[in-house]
Each structure stands twice: as C-alpha cells, then as structure tokens.
Amino acid sequence: MGSDAQRPPQQPRSPLSGRTPDSPRAGDRERAAELLAEERRSIDNIDAALVHLLAERFRHTQRVGRLKAAHDLPPADPEREAQQIARLHALAQESGLDPVFAERFMRFIVTEVIRHHERLRGDGPARPADDGPDRT
C-alpha cells in the first residue's frame, strides 16, 4: 500500500483503559445520555402535538366531505390541491424542511381525505375492517 509517512499518526492509548485521549470519558457519555433523553422528550412532545393537529385537521376535512357530498360536489379539487402543495412547499423551504418530504407528506394526507370524501358520496370502496377507525 503506502508508506508510514502517508498514514495519520495513531493516538497513544492509555495502558489502563485502552482509550485514546480523544475517546469519550464516562462523564461525557453520561452527559450525552442526558442530552439524548432531553431531545427524545422534545420529539415525543412534538409527535403528540402532530397527532392532535392532524386529528383537528381531519375533523375539518370530515365537515368539508359532508358538505361536498350533500351538494354533489366532486371529492377532489385539483386546483386547490396544487395551490396547497405550492404553499406548503414554500413554507417548508422557509422553515428548513425538505420540500420534497413536505410535499409527499401533504399528498399522503390529501389522498386519505379524498378517499374519505369518495366514500361519503358512495363513489369509493368500503374501508377495510383492518384499516382502523376513520379519522379523515
């Protein structure tokens, strides 16, 4: 391969622990574990908030679906969907969120909403029993 001059110098190892001077110490690991637990608590709180926000959103889309069905309006509104995708794409960019991810997420939600609206009109297939409760 190459000569020893091309390899980076190895860190000396402690004869007792076998660690290099750059290895994490026990105190560093404990602090990292505390920080990790703190971040995970925050993530759990955000996940709970997302579930509550989605539930609220779907309560509104249920009302929209009933209105559309009662007035014989189509379940899908491609123009509105395109506007929403563009708006959320811009919001994602402003927020530092991957716009492609945001668009996929929104399309998933819109697909579920349209499926529910189709069922309300009698256009869509019945929901499979193992699909869980209808929350759209």
C-alpha atoms as a PDB file:
ATOM      1  CA  MET A   1       0.000   0.000   0.000  1.00  0.00           C
ATOM      2  CA  GLY A   2       1.622   3.251   1.080  1.00  0.00           C
ATOM      3  CA  SER A   3       4.445   4.245   3.326  1.00  0.00           C
ATOM      4  CA  ASP A   4       4.109   5.046   7.013  1.00  0.00           C
ATOM      5  CA  ALA A   5       4.586   8.728   6.166  1.00  0.00           C
ATOM      6  CA  GLN A   6       1.196   8.762   4.409  1.00  0.00           C
ATOM      7  CA  ARG A   7      -0.737   7.287   7.349  1.00  0.00           C
ATOM      8  CA  PRO A   8      -2.028   9.583  10.076  1.00  0.00           C
ATOM      9  CA  PRO A   9      -0.204   9.150  13.379  1.00  0.00           C
ATOM     10  CA  GLN A  10      -2.006   6.902  15.841  1.00  0.00           C
ATOM     11  CA  GLN A  11      -3.100   8.332  19.175  1.00  0.00           C
ATOM     12  CA  PRO A  12      -1.314   6.832  22.187  1.00  0.00           C
ATOM     13  CA  ARG A  13      -3.574   4.527  24.191  1.00  0.00           C
ATOM     14  CA  SER A  14      -3.890   4.581  27.926  1.00  0.00           C
ATOM     15  CA  PRO A  15      -2.376   1.397  29.355  1.00  0.00           C
ATOM     16  CA  LEU A  16      -5.273   1.120  31.855  1.00  0.00           C
ATOM     17  CA  SER A  17      -8.358   1.899  29.799  1.00  0.00           C
ATOM     18  CA  GLY A  18      -7.160   1.337  26.243  1.00  0.00           C
ATOM     19  CA  ARG A  19      -8.731   4.668  25.273  1.00  0.00           C
ATOM     20  CA  THR A  20      -7.089   7.333  23.198  1.00  0.00           C
ATOM     21  CA  PRO A  21      -7.031  10.879  24.567  1.00  0.00           C
ATOM     22  CA  ASP A  22      -9.926  11.696  22.177  1.00  0.00           C
ATOM     23  CA  SER A  23     -12.158   8.855  23.477  1.00  0.00           C
ATOM     24  CA  PRO A  24     -15.289   9.885  25.349  1.00  0.00           C
ATOM     25  CA  ARG A  25     -14.946   9.720  29.105  1.00  0.00           C
ATOM     26  CA  ALA A  26     -17.642   8.251  31.328  1.00  0.00           C
ATOM     27  CA  GLY A  27     -18.806  11.740  32.322  1.00  0.00           C
ATOM     28  CA  ASP A  28     -19.088  12.716  28.673  1.00  0.00           C
ATOM     29  CA  ARG A  29     -21.215   9.658  27.983  1.00  0.00           C
ATOM     30  CA  GLU A  30     -23.476  10.405  30.928  1.00  0.00           C
ATOM     31  CA  ARG A  31     -23.965  13.967  29.696  1.00  0.00           C
ATOM     32  CA  ALA A  32     -24.627  12.669  26.179  1.00  0.00           C
ATOM     33  CA  ALA A  33     -27.238  10.265  27.582  1.00  0.00           C
ATOM     34  CA  GLU A  34     -28.917  13.166  29.429  1.00  0.00           C
ATOM     35  CA  LEU A  35     -28.950  15.302  26.278  1.00  0.00           C
ATOM     36  CA  LEU A  36     -30.282  12.385  24.246  1.00  0.00           C
ATOM     37  CA  ALA A  37     -33.111  11.812  26.746  1.00  0.00           C
ATOM     38  CA  GLU A  38     -33.940  15.530  26.673  1.00  0.00           C
ATOM     39  CA  GLU A  39     -34.064  15.589  22.864  1.00  0.00           C
ATOM     40  CA  ARG A  40     -36.227  12.467  22.817  1.00  0.00           C
ATOM     41  CA  ARG A  41     -38.678  14.036  25.282  1.00  0.00           C
ATOM     42  CA  SER A  42     -38.952  17.018  22.964  1.00  0.00           C
ATOM     43  CA  ILE A  43     -39.502  14.743  19.969  1.00  0.00           C
ATOM     44  CA  ASP A  44     -42.195  12.832  21.875  1.00  0.00           C
ATOM     45  CA  ASN A  45     -43.958  16.106  22.712  1.00  0.00           C
ATOM     46  CA  ILE A  46     -43.812  17.239  19.100  1.00  0.00           C
ATOM     47  CA  ASP A  47     -45.154  13.859  17.921  1.00  0.00           C
ATOM     48  CA  ALA A  48     -48.086  14.211  20.331  1.00  0.00           C
ATOM     49  CA  ALA A  49     -48.764  17.727  19.044  1.00  0.00           C
ATOM     50  CA  LEU A  50     -48.667  16.468  15.438  1.00  0.00           C
ATOM     51  CA  VAL A  51     -51.232  13.776  16.218  1.00  0.00           C
ATOM     52  CA  HIS A  52     -53.539  16.333  17.841  1.00  0.00           C
ATOM     53  CA  LEU A  53     -53.104  18.751  14.929  1.00  0.00           C
ATOM     54  CA  LEU A  54     -53.821  16.020  12.392  1.00  0.00           C
ATOM     55  CA  ALA A  55     -56.931  14.979  14.317  1.00  0.00           C
ATOM     56  CA  GLU A  56     -58.153  18.581  14.281  1.00  0.00           C
ATOM     57  CA  ARG A  57     -57.371  18.899  10.573  1.00  0.00           C
ATOM     58  CA  PHE A  58     -59.299  15.724   9.791  1.00  0.00           C
ATOM     59  CA  ARG A  59     -62.316  16.916  11.778  1.00  0.00           C
ATOM     60  CA  HIS A  60     -62.450  19.889   9.414  1.00  0.00           C
ATOM     61  CA  THR A  61     -61.976  17.727   6.323  1.00  0.00           C
ATOM     62  CA  GLN A  62     -64.834  15.493   7.510  1.00  0.00           C
ATOM     63  CA  ARG A  63     -67.103  18.547   7.530  1.00  0.00           C
ATOM     64  CA  VAL A  64     -65.842  19.528   4.075  1.00  0.00           C
ATOM     65  CA  GLY A  65     -66.546  15.998   2.844  1.00  0.00           C
ATOM     66  CA  ARG A  66     -70.098  16.074   4.185  1.00  0.00           C
ATOM     67  CA  LEU A  67     -70.686  19.456   2.524  1.00  0.00           C
ATOM     68  CA  LYS A  68     -69.328  18.187  -0.784  1.00  0.00           C
ATOM     69  CA  ALA A  69     -71.458  15.041  -0.609  1.00  0.00           C
ATOM     70  CA  ALA A  70     -74.608  16.970   0.349  1.00  0.00           C
ATOM     71  CA  HIS A  71     -74.166  19.392  -2.564  1.00  0.00           C
ATOM     72  CA  ASP A  72     -72.937  16.838  -5.112  1.00  0.00           C
ATOM     73  CA  LEU A  73     -69.504  18.443  -5.387  1.00  0.00           C
ATOM     74  CA  PRO A  74     -66.528  16.366  -6.554  1.00  0.00           C
ATOM     75  CA  PRO A  75     -64.407  14.782  -3.812  1.00  0.00           C
ATOM     76  CA  ALA A  76     -61.172  16.126  -5.283  1.00  0.00           C
ATOM     77  CA  ASP A  77     -60.300  19.720  -6.113  1.00  0.00           C
ATOM     78  CA  PRO A  78     -57.083  19.543  -8.156  1.00  0.00           C
ATOM     79  CA  GLU A  79     -56.707  23.329  -8.334  1.00  0.00           C
ATOM     80  CA  ARG A  80     -56.930  23.707  -4.545  1.00  0.00           C
ATOM     81  CA  GLU A  81     -54.584  20.754  -4.052  1.00  0.00           C
ATOM     82  CA  ALA A  82     -51.986  22.315  -6.374  1.00  0.00           C
ATOM     83  CA  GLN A  83     -52.254  25.632  -4.512  1.00  0.00           C
ATOM     84  CA  GLN A  84     -51.829  23.893  -1.165  1.00  0.00           C
ATOM     85  CA  ILE A  85     -48.829  21.880  -2.351  1.00  0.00           C
ATOM     86  CA  ALA A  86     -47.156  25.037  -3.684  1.00  0.00           C
ATOM     87  CA  ARG A  87     -47.894  26.936  -0.466  1.00  0.00           C
ATOM     88  CA  LEU A  88     -46.584  24.141   1.749  1.00  0.00           C
ATOM     89  CA  HIS A  89     -43.545  23.694  -0.498  1.00  0.00           C
ATOM     90  CA  ALA A  90     -42.655  27.361   0.095  1.00  0.00           C
ATOM     91  CA  LEU A  91     -43.333  27.069   3.840  1.00  0.00           C
ATOM     92  CA  ALA A  92     -41.080  24.022   4.016  1.00  0.00           C
ATOM     93  CA  GLN A  93     -38.259  25.870   2.276  1.00  0.00           C
ATOM     94  CA  GLU A  94     -38.642  28.851   4.635  1.00  0.00           C
ATOM     95  CA  SER A  95     -38.619  26.517   7.634  1.00  0.00           C
ATOM     96  CA  GLY A  96     -35.587  24.493   6.601  1.00  0.00           C
ATOM     97  CA  LEU A  97     -37.664  21.356   5.951  1.00  0.00           C
ATOM     98  CA  ASP A  98     -37.052  19.275   2.849  1.00  0.00           C
ATOM     99  CA  PRO A  99     -39.774  20.484   0.440  1.00  0.00           C
ATOM    100  CA  VAL A 100     -39.933  17.081  -1.255  1.00  0.00           C
ATOM    101  CA  PHE A 101     -40.684  15.453   2.095  1.00  0.00           C
ATOM    102  CA  ALA A 102     -43.317  18.104   2.879  1.00  0.00           C
ATOM    103  CA  GLU A 103     -44.966  17.534  -0.496  1.00  0.00           C
ATOM    104  CA  ARG A 104     -45.030  13.751  -0.057  1.00  0.00           C
ATOM    105  CA  PHE A 105     -46.474  14.137   3.422  1.00  0.00           C
ATOM    106  CA  MET A 106     -49.180  16.518   2.174  1.00  0.00           C
ATOM    107  CA  ARG A 107     -50.035  14.303  -0.804  1.00  0.00           C
ATOM    108  CA  PHE A 108     -50.465  11.354   1.575  1.00  0.00           C
ATOM    109  CA  ILE A 109     -52.886  13.386   3.698  1.00  0.00           C
ATOM    110  CA  VAL A 110     -54.817  14.705   0.687  1.00  0.00           C
ATOM    111  CA  THR A 111     -55.117  11.183  -0.741  1.00  0.00           C
ATOM    112  CA  GLU A 112     -56.658   9.976   2.521  1.00  0.00           C
ATOM    113  CA  VAL A 113     -59.059  12.925   2.610  1.00  0.00           C
ATOM    114  CA  ILE A 114     -60.183  12.338  -0.984  1.00  0.00           C
ATOM    115  CA  ARG A 115     -60.690   8.643  -0.241  1.00  0.00           C
ATOM    116  CA  HIS A 116     -62.951   9.602   2.659  1.00  0.00           C
ATOM    117  CA  HIS A 117     -64.853  12.120   0.526  1.00  0.00           C
ATOM    118  CA  GLU A 118     -65.397   9.452  -2.135  1.00  0.00           C
ATOM    119  CA  ARG A 119     -66.831   7.092   0.485  1.00  0.00           C
ATOM    120  CA  LEU A 120     -69.191   9.810   1.706  1.00  0.00           C
ATOM    121  CA  ARG A 121     -70.513  10.195  -1.839  1.00  0.00           C
ATOM    122  CA  GLY A 122     -70.700   6.446  -2.302  1.00  0.00           C
ATOM    123  CA  ASP A 123     -68.011   6.570  -5.026  1.00  0.00           C
ATOM    124  CA  GLY A 124     -65.234   4.819  -3.151  1.00  0.00           C
ATOM    125  CA  PRO A 125     -64.713   1.313  -1.863  1.00  0.00           C
ATOM    126  CA  ALA A 126     -65.708   0.498   1.681  1.00  0.00           C
ATOM    127  CA  ARG A 127     -62.900   0.881   4.145  1.00  0.00           C
ATOM    128  CA  PRO A 128     -61.261  -2.461   5.001  1.00  0.00           C
ATOM    129  CA  ALA A 129     -62.083  -3.627   8.525  1.00  0.00           C
ATOM    130  CA  ASP A 130     -58.412  -3.877   9.499  1.00  0.00           C
ATOM    131  CA  ASP A 131     -57.684  -0.300   8.408  1.00  0.00           C
ATOM    132  CA  GLY A 132     -58.694   1.122  11.777  1.00  0.00           C
ATOM    133  CA  PRO A 133     -61.179   3.857  12.639  1.00  0.00           C
ATOM    134  CA  ASP A 134     -61.915   6.535  10.074  1.00  0.00           C
ATOM    135  CA  ARG A 135     -60.163   9.743  11.091  1.00  0.00           C
ATOM    136  CA  THR A 136     -60.226  11.700   7.817  1.00  0.00           C
END
